[in-house]
Amino acid sequence: MSQVPAGWFPDPYGRYQQRWWDGADWTASVSTDGVPITDPMGNSPVIPFATPPTALPGGAADSGGSIRLLDTMGMPARERQRPSLRHAVAGLGGAILAGGAIILSAGESTNRTSVTIVGAALVVVAWLLRRFVRVEELAAAAVGMVVIGVAAFVIGLTVSDTTGGFLTGLLAALLFLALWVAPGFRGHNLLLALGLNALLAAFGSLSGGLSNADNTDALLPSGLTDTIGRQGAIYLVGAALLLAGTWWLDRRGYRGAGTALCASGLSAAVTGVVLLLDNFGEISGPLFVLAVGLAVCVVGSHGGRRTTTWTGAALVAGGMVALIIAIVKPDSTQAAGITGLVAGALLVAVPLAAAPLRRRAQAAVSDGSDARP
């Protein structure tokens, strides 16, 4: 970890939830449930025979139902899986095979009954492959197959000229989440992410997919939804909940499950920004984008998530540029260049100004952990 900056990370020795990395070495400063203490064994890598139950995630202090469920998922809930070219290609192959089967079953007239039956059959075949066939490539192909199978089954069963939207998304969410906890696919975080995305899409469809628009008034305050739009507000609230869940899981060492929440939250945040942006003015719009980007960036940097951090930073940069343009209103090439210089300078200056504050905060946390409770 020689290239990793100082910060709190999951304890590599397994004695506590987190341990302070000073940029060069692990220290004796540890943390359990956010409470900093000092490890009596110092920074020794030795793992003792007896470990306090509150020192490990899933112990007495973390006995909630959600934590117990994640503990049953094994390593996929805790660790982000390394990418594999073989698995990726096989997974896409399984999805394409399933897509071909769906197209053949639909025929020229798009027979919904056939699509539903074939979709269900694909799910069963994929489950059997994952459950009983011990070949990694076929297991990866089964994941792509089950994604297409669930989508085909749900669409064939629920979508018609008069129905769809909320029911489609809700059923897809239930099936993906059920597969996520079922033997065979248990703990596969792609299914968790797809289930959460489908759930968000289901509630988002309430704003326009149903004839009774008041359905969303029970979900969000009417003043908020009337001002900035029901669908975008639902996505943005969902993004806030998912990113908060990501922060919570990262803090407790469940980075695998946190990745699923983070992917869904990031998608929801971008969707919410796109849907709501037209409801803001020249100044408030960029400020809105900047605020959302800052929240995304903070969650990403807290969990060491590059894509999330850079996406949030891109939203911050875009909001800053748009804000400067709205204020300056450049009407020439020279003015546009000056606008770029000002926006770029501000984007460089803000992190420079924040760096001393961050160092002081880290020092305060580190000093506090040196005192025993």
Protein backbone atom coordinates (compact mmCIF):
# COMPACT_ATOMS: atom_id res chain seq x y z
CA MET A 1 0.00 0.00 0.00
CA SER A 2 2.95 2.31 -0.44
CA GLN A 3 1.06 4.49 -2.93
CA VAL A 4 -2.10 4.81 -0.80
CA PRO A 5 -2.55 8.09 1.12
CA ALA A 6 -3.15 8.12 4.86
CA GLY A 7 -6.60 7.08 5.99
CA TRP A 8 -8.82 4.54 7.71
CA PHE A 9 -8.98 1.10 6.06
CA PRO A 10 -10.31 -2.36 7.03
CA ASP A 11 -7.93 -3.85 9.59
CA PRO A 12 -5.64 -6.21 7.64
CA TYR A 13 -4.92 -8.14 10.84
CA GLY A 14 -8.60 -8.85 11.47
CA ARG A 15 -8.60 -7.62 15.06
CA TYR A 16 -10.76 -4.52 14.61
CA GLN A 17 -13.02 -3.02 11.98
CA GLN A 18 -10.57 -0.35 10.79
CA ARG A 19 -6.91 0.54 11.26
CA TRP A 20 -5.13 3.83 10.51
CA TRP A 21 -2.67 3.78 7.60
CA ASP A 22 -0.27 6.75 7.92
CA GLY A 23 0.81 6.66 4.30
CA ALA A 24 3.76 4.36 4.92
CA ASP A 25 2.88 1.87 7.69
CA TRP A 26 -0.05 0.49 9.65
CA THR A 27 -0.37 2.06 13.11
CA ALA A 28 -1.82 1.00 16.47
CA SER A 29 -4.77 3.37 15.97
CA VAL A 30 -7.88 1.28 15.35
CA SER A 31 -11.61 1.86 15.25
CA THR A 32 -14.73 -0.15 16.01
CA ASP A 33 -18.16 1.25 15.06
CA GLY A 34 -16.51 4.63 14.52
CA VAL A 35 -15.04 4.73 18.05
CA PRO A 36 -11.24 5.19 17.89
CA ILE A 37 -9.12 3.21 20.36
CA THR A 38 -5.55 1.89 20.58
CA ASP A 39 -4.79 -1.73 19.79
CA PRO A 40 -3.09 -3.22 22.89
CA MET A 41 -0.92 -5.30 20.55
CA GLY A 42 0.23 -2.21 18.69
CA ASN A 43 0.79 -2.65 14.98
CA SER A 44 1.91 -6.25 15.30
CA PRO A 45 0.55 -8.44 12.50
CA VAL A 46 0.02 -11.32 14.95
CA ILE A 47 -3.60 -12.43 15.22
CA PRO A 48 -4.44 -13.38 18.84
CA PHE A 49 -6.29 -16.56 19.78
CA ALA A 50 -9.10 -14.57 21.40
CA THR A 51 -10.56 -11.56 19.62
CA PRO A 52 -13.23 -9.34 21.24
CA PRO A 53 -16.59 -10.01 19.51
CA THR A 54 -17.07 -6.29 18.93
CA ALA A 55 -13.78 -6.02 17.05
CA LEU A 56 -14.97 -7.82 13.94
CA PRO A 57 -17.78 -6.84 11.57
CA GLY A 58 -20.72 -9.12 12.26
CA GLY A 59 -19.86 -9.31 15.98
CA ALA A 60 -22.05 -8.32 18.89
CA ALA A 61 -22.03 -4.65 17.97
CA ASP A 62 -23.07 -5.45 14.41
CA SER A 63 -25.79 -8.00 15.08
CA GLY A 64 -28.43 -6.33 12.92
CA GLY A 65 -30.42 -8.36 10.44
CA SER A 66 -28.83 -6.74 7.39
CA ILE A 67 -25.33 -7.51 8.68
CA ARG A 68 -26.24 -11.11 9.43
CA LEU A 69 -27.62 -11.46 5.91
CA LEU A 70 -24.42 -10.06 4.38
CA ASP A 71 -22.32 -12.38 6.51
CA THR A 72 -24.11 -15.37 4.96
CA MET A 73 -23.05 -14.13 1.50
CA GLY A 74 -19.39 -14.86 2.21
CA MET A 75 -16.52 -13.11 0.47
CA PRO A 76 -18.58 -11.55 -2.39
CA ALA A 77 -20.22 -9.26 0.17
CA ARG A 78 -16.87 -8.16 1.62
CA GLU A 79 -14.50 -8.05 -1.32
CA ARG A 80 -14.81 -6.53 -4.77
CA GLN A 81 -14.13 -9.33 -7.22
CA ARG A 82 -11.19 -8.97 -9.55
CA PRO A 83 -12.20 -8.59 -13.21
CA SER A 84 -11.67 -11.62 -15.43
CA LEU A 85 -11.58 -11.47 -19.22
CA ARG A 86 -12.70 -15.10 -19.48
CA HIS A 87 -15.68 -14.54 -17.21
CA ALA A 88 -16.66 -11.29 -18.92
CA VAL A 89 -16.63 -12.81 -22.41
CA ALA A 90 -18.48 -15.93 -21.24
CA GLY A 91 -21.07 -13.79 -19.43
CA LEU A 92 -21.73 -11.74 -22.55
CA GLY A 93 -21.91 -14.94 -24.55
CA GLY A 94 -24.58 -16.28 -22.22
CA ALA A 95 -26.56 -13.06 -22.57
CA ILE A 96 -26.36 -13.17 -26.38
CA LEU A 97 -27.39 -16.84 -26.43
CA ALA A 98 -30.39 -16.00 -24.26
CA GLY A 99 -31.25 -13.05 -26.48
CA GLY A 100 -31.19 -15.28 -29.54
CA ALA A 101 -33.51 -17.76 -27.87
CA ILE A 102 -35.92 -14.95 -26.97
CA ILE A 103 -35.96 -13.60 -30.53
CA LEU A 104 -36.67 -17.07 -31.95
CA SER A 105 -39.48 -17.62 -29.46
CA ALA A 106 -41.10 -14.25 -30.11
CA GLY A 107 -41.36 -14.78 -33.87
CA GLU A 108 -42.54 -12.13 -36.29
CA SER A 109 -45.71 -11.42 -34.32
CA THR A 110 -43.94 -11.06 -30.93
CA ASN A 111 -45.76 -13.82 -29.07
CA ARG A 112 -45.71 -12.67 -25.43
CA THR A 113 -46.66 -16.09 -24.08
CA SER A 114 -43.69 -17.72 -25.79
CA VAL A 115 -41.37 -14.99 -24.54
CA THR A 116 -42.61 -15.54 -20.98
CA ILE A 117 -42.15 -19.30 -21.15
CA VAL A 118 -38.68 -19.14 -22.72
CA GLY A 119 -37.63 -16.45 -20.24
CA ALA A 120 -38.64 -18.69 -17.33
CA ALA A 121 -36.85 -21.65 -18.93
CA LEU A 122 -33.67 -19.61 -19.30
CA VAL A 123 -33.77 -18.70 -15.60
CA VAL A 124 -34.15 -22.38 -14.65
CA VAL A 125 -31.33 -23.48 -16.96
CA ALA A 126 -29.05 -20.72 -15.65
CA TRP A 127 -29.80 -21.73 -12.05
CA LEU A 128 -29.02 -25.38 -12.79
CA LEU A 129 -25.70 -24.39 -14.38
CA ARG A 130 -24.72 -22.31 -11.36
CA ARG A 131 -25.88 -24.92 -8.88
CA PHE A 132 -24.55 -28.17 -10.30
CA VAL A 133 -21.93 -27.48 -13.03
CA ARG A 134 -18.47 -26.66 -11.68
CA VAL A 135 -17.06 -24.91 -14.75
CA GLU A 136 -16.23 -21.24 -14.23
CA GLU A 137 -16.96 -20.16 -17.79
CA LEU A 138 -20.37 -21.83 -17.79
CA ALA A 139 -21.15 -20.28 -14.41
CA ALA A 140 -20.29 -16.85 -15.85
CA ALA A 141 -22.44 -17.56 -18.93
CA ALA A 142 -25.31 -18.44 -16.60
CA VAL A 143 -25.20 -14.95 -15.10
CA GLY A 144 -25.68 -13.31 -18.50
CA MET A 145 -28.37 -15.86 -19.29
CA VAL A 146 -30.35 -15.22 -16.11
CA VAL A 147 -30.29 -11.44 -16.59
CA ILE A 148 -31.88 -11.75 -20.05
CA GLY A 149 -34.18 -14.53 -18.86
CA VAL A 150 -35.59 -12.48 -15.98
CA ALA A 151 -36.06 -9.43 -18.23
CA ALA A 152 -37.87 -11.51 -20.88
CA PHE A 153 -40.07 -13.27 -18.32
CA VAL A 154 -41.10 -10.04 -16.61
CA ILE A 155 -41.73 -8.13 -19.84
CA GLY A 156 -43.67 -10.98 -21.39
CA LEU A 157 -45.77 -11.38 -18.24
CA THR A 158 -46.52 -7.74 -17.40
CA VAL A 159 -46.10 -5.45 -20.40
CA SER A 160 -49.12 -4.81 -22.61
CA ASP A 161 -50.96 -1.88 -24.09
CA THR A 162 -52.55 -1.07 -20.74
CA THR A 163 -50.13 -2.33 -18.09
CA GLY A 164 -46.44 -2.16 -17.30
CA GLY A 165 -44.26 0.45 -15.66
CA PHE A 166 -44.48 0.03 -11.91
CA LEU A 167 -45.55 -3.63 -11.96
CA THR A 168 -42.77 -4.54 -14.42
CA GLY A 169 -40.07 -2.84 -12.38
CA LEU A 170 -41.34 -4.19 -9.07
CA LEU A 171 -41.52 -7.80 -10.31
CA ALA A 172 -38.04 -7.56 -11.87
CA ALA A 173 -36.68 -6.15 -8.61
CA LEU A 174 -38.21 -8.97 -6.56
CA LEU A 175 -36.85 -11.66 -8.90
CA PHE A 176 -33.32 -10.21 -9.04
CA LEU A 177 -33.18 -9.79 -5.27
CA ALA A 178 -34.57 -13.31 -4.74
CA LEU A 179 -31.85 -14.72 -6.99
CA TRP A 180 -29.23 -12.69 -5.10
CA VAL A 181 -30.05 -14.58 -1.89
CA ALA A 182 -30.81 -17.94 -3.54
CA PRO A 183 -28.29 -20.82 -3.68
CA GLY A 184 -26.37 -20.81 -6.93
CA PHE A 185 -26.42 -17.05 -7.48
CA ARG A 186 -26.10 -16.21 -3.78
CA GLY A 187 -24.10 -13.08 -3.17
CA HIS A 188 -23.64 -12.17 -6.85
CA ASN A 189 -23.62 -8.39 -6.57
CA LEU A 190 -24.64 -7.76 -10.19
CA LEU A 191 -28.07 -9.18 -9.33
CA LEU A 192 -28.29 -6.91 -6.26
CA ALA A 193 -27.46 -3.87 -8.40
CA LEU A 194 -30.01 -4.84 -11.07
CA GLY A 195 -32.66 -5.41 -8.42
CA LEU A 196 -32.08 -1.98 -6.89
CA ASN A 197 -32.12 -0.34 -10.33
CA ALA A 198 -35.40 -2.06 -11.18
CA LEU A 199 -36.89 -0.94 -7.87
CA LEU A 200 -35.92 2.67 -8.55
CA ALA A 201 -37.33 2.45 -12.06
CA ALA A 202 -40.58 1.06 -10.67
CA PHE A 203 -41.09 3.97 -8.29
CA GLY A 204 -39.87 6.43 -10.91
CA SER A 205 -42.56 5.19 -13.29
CA LEU A 206 -45.24 6.19 -10.79
CA SER A 207 -44.80 9.81 -11.82
CA GLY A 208 -45.84 9.22 -15.42
CA GLY A 209 -46.68 5.58 -15.98
CA LEU A 210 -49.89 5.55 -13.95
CA SER A 211 -52.99 7.59 -14.54
CA ASN A 212 -53.21 8.67 -10.90
CA ALA A 213 -50.36 11.15 -10.47
CA ASP A 214 -51.11 11.47 -6.77
CA ASN A 215 -49.41 8.12 -6.16
CA THR A 216 -46.10 9.91 -5.70
CA ASP A 217 -47.50 12.36 -3.18
CA ALA A 218 -47.44 9.58 -0.63
CA LEU A 219 -43.73 9.05 -1.28
CA LEU A 220 -42.45 12.63 -1.29
CA PRO A 221 -43.71 15.98 0.04
CA SER A 222 -46.07 17.56 -2.49
CA GLY A 223 -44.24 20.89 -2.34
CA LEU A 224 -40.98 19.24 -3.37
CA THR A 225 -42.52 17.18 -6.14
CA ASP A 226 -44.51 20.11 -7.49
CA THR A 227 -41.36 22.25 -7.62
CA ILE A 228 -38.75 19.99 -9.14
CA GLY A 229 -40.69 17.11 -10.68
CA ARG A 230 -41.84 13.80 -9.30
CA GLN A 231 -39.72 11.38 -11.31
CA GLY A 232 -36.44 13.23 -10.89
CA ALA A 233 -37.12 13.69 -7.17
CA ILE A 234 -37.71 9.96 -6.74
CA TYR A 235 -34.43 9.13 -8.47
CA LEU A 236 -32.53 11.71 -6.45
CA VAL A 237 -33.94 10.51 -3.12
CA GLY A 238 -33.14 6.94 -4.15
CA ALA A 239 -29.59 7.99 -5.04
CA ALA A 240 -29.16 9.62 -1.63
CA LEU A 241 -30.33 6.47 0.16
CA LEU A 242 -28.14 4.17 -1.94
CA LEU A 243 -25.02 6.31 -1.58
CA ALA A 244 -25.62 6.57 2.18
CA GLY A 245 -25.88 2.77 2.21
CA THR A 246 -22.61 2.58 0.29
CA TRP A 247 -20.89 4.75 2.90
CA TRP A 248 -22.29 2.56 5.69
CA LEU A 249 -21.19 -0.70 4.05
CA ASP A 250 -17.72 0.62 3.17
CA ARG A 251 -17.24 1.68 6.78
CA ARG A 252 -18.03 -1.85 7.98
CA GLY A 253 -15.89 -3.61 5.42
CA TYR A 254 -18.63 -4.91 3.08
CA ARG A 255 -17.13 -3.41 -0.04
CA GLY A 256 -18.54 -6.02 -2.41
CA ALA A 257 -22.16 -5.35 -1.48
CA GLY A 258 -21.33 -1.66 -1.26
CA THR A 259 -20.26 -1.73 -4.90
CA ALA A 260 -23.75 -2.87 -5.94
CA LEU A 261 -25.37 -0.03 -3.98
CA CYS A 262 -22.80 2.44 -5.30
CA ALA A 263 -23.41 1.48 -8.94
CA SER A 264 -27.17 1.87 -8.52
CA GLY A 265 -26.80 5.11 -6.57
CA LEU A 266 -24.44 6.58 -9.15
CA SER A 267 -26.83 5.73 -11.96
CA ALA A 268 -29.77 7.18 -10.01
CA ALA A 269 -27.85 10.37 -9.21
CA VAL A 270 -26.97 11.03 -12.85
CA THR A 271 -30.55 10.20 -13.94
CA GLY A 272 -31.99 12.52 -11.29
CA VAL A 273 -29.69 15.37 -12.35
CA VAL A 274 -30.67 14.96 -16.01
CA LEU A 275 -34.40 14.87 -15.19
CA LEU A 276 -34.34 17.81 -12.79
CA LEU A 277 -31.88 20.18 -14.43
CA ASP A 278 -34.46 21.95 -16.60
CA ASN A 279 -36.45 22.85 -13.48
CA PHE A 280 -33.67 25.12 -12.18
CA GLY A 281 -32.50 28.53 -13.26
CA GLU A 282 -29.20 29.71 -14.72
CA ILE A 283 -27.56 29.98 -11.29
CA SER A 284 -29.45 27.40 -9.26
CA GLY A 285 -29.00 24.70 -11.95
CA PRO A 286 -25.17 24.68 -11.83
CA LEU A 287 -25.25 24.91 -8.03
CA PHE A 288 -27.56 21.88 -7.96
CA VAL A 289 -25.21 19.87 -10.20
CA LEU A 290 -22.23 20.97 -8.12
CA ALA A 291 -23.90 19.88 -4.87
CA VAL A 292 -24.86 16.45 -6.22
CA GLY A 293 -21.37 15.95 -7.65
CA LEU A 294 -19.76 16.90 -4.36
CA ALA A 295 -21.89 14.35 -2.47
CA VAL A 296 -21.02 11.61 -4.99
CA CYS A 297 -17.34 12.52 -4.86
CA VAL A 298 -17.25 12.39 -1.05
CA VAL A 299 -18.81 8.91 -0.99
CA GLY A 300 -16.40 7.71 -3.67
CA SER A 301 -13.29 9.05 -1.99
CA HIS A 302 -14.39 7.72 1.41
CA GLY A 303 -14.62 4.19 0.01
CA GLY A 304 -11.62 4.42 -2.33
CA ARG A 305 -13.87 4.11 -5.39
CA ARG A 306 -12.21 5.63 -8.45
CA THR A 307 -15.14 5.64 -10.88
CA THR A 308 -17.50 7.14 -8.32
CA THR A 309 -14.97 9.75 -7.24
CA TRP A 310 -14.18 10.79 -10.80
CA THR A 311 -17.86 10.88 -11.78
CA GLY A 312 -18.59 13.12 -8.81
CA ALA A 313 -15.59 15.30 -9.65
CA ALA A 314 -16.79 15.58 -13.26
CA LEU A 315 -20.20 16.77 -12.04
CA VAL A 316 -18.50 19.29 -9.75
CA ALA A 317 -16.32 20.56 -12.60
CA GLY A 318 -19.29 20.77 -14.96
CA GLY A 319 -21.34 22.63 -12.39
CA MET A 320 -18.49 25.05 -11.72
CA VAL A 321 -17.95 25.79 -15.41
CA ALA A 322 -21.69 26.28 -15.99
CA LEU A 323 -21.88 28.58 -12.96
CA ILE A 324 -19.02 30.77 -14.19
CA ILE A 325 -20.56 30.90 -17.67
CA ALA A 326 -23.94 31.91 -16.19
CA ILE A 327 -22.28 34.72 -14.24
CA VAL A 328 -19.81 36.00 -16.84
CA LYS A 329 -21.96 35.31 -19.96
CA PRO A 330 -19.00 35.26 -22.39
CA ASP A 331 -19.84 36.76 -25.77
CA SER A 332 -16.50 36.31 -27.52
CA THR A 333 -13.68 33.80 -27.90
CA GLN A 334 -11.50 35.84 -25.56
CA ALA A 335 -14.23 35.96 -22.93
CA ALA A 336 -14.75 32.20 -23.26
CA GLY A 337 -11.03 31.63 -22.71
CA ILE A 338 -11.02 33.83 -19.63
CA THR A 339 -14.06 31.93 -18.33
CA GLY A 340 -12.15 28.66 -18.73
CA LEU A 341 -9.15 30.10 -16.90
CA VAL A 342 -11.28 31.29 -14.00
CA ALA A 343 -13.19 28.02 -13.71
CA GLY A 344 -10.00 25.95 -13.89
CA ALA A 345 -8.26 28.13 -11.34
CA LEU A 346 -11.17 27.77 -8.91
CA LEU A 347 -11.21 24.00 -9.34
CA VAL A 348 -7.50 23.86 -8.49
CA ALA A 349 -7.72 26.41 -5.66
CA VAL A 350 -10.56 24.74 -3.74
CA PRO A 351 -8.70 21.42 -3.13
CA LEU A 352 -5.55 23.37 -2.22
CA ALA A 353 -7.48 25.37 0.35
CA ALA A 354 -9.22 22.27 1.71
CA ALA A 355 -6.00 20.22 2.09
CA PRO A 356 -4.88 21.84 5.40
CA LEU A 357 -8.35 21.39 6.85
CA ARG A 358 -8.31 17.71 5.88
CA ARG A 359 -4.90 17.20 7.46
CA ARG A 360 -6.06 18.81 10.70
CA ALA A 361 -9.14 16.59 10.79
CA GLN A 362 -7.06 13.46 10.20
CA ALA A 363 -4.59 14.51 12.88
CA ALA A 364 -7.44 15.07 15.34
CA VAL A 365 -8.84 11.61 14.64
CA SER A 366 -5.39 10.03 14.96
CA ASP A 367 -4.69 11.86 18.24
CA GLY A 368 -8.05 10.83 19.63
CA SER A 369 -7.35 7.19 18.86
CA ASP A 370 -4.19 7.29 20.95
CA ALA A 371 -6.23 7.71 24.14
CA ARG A 372 -7.59 4.48 25.60
CA PRO A 373 -11.29 4.43 26.57
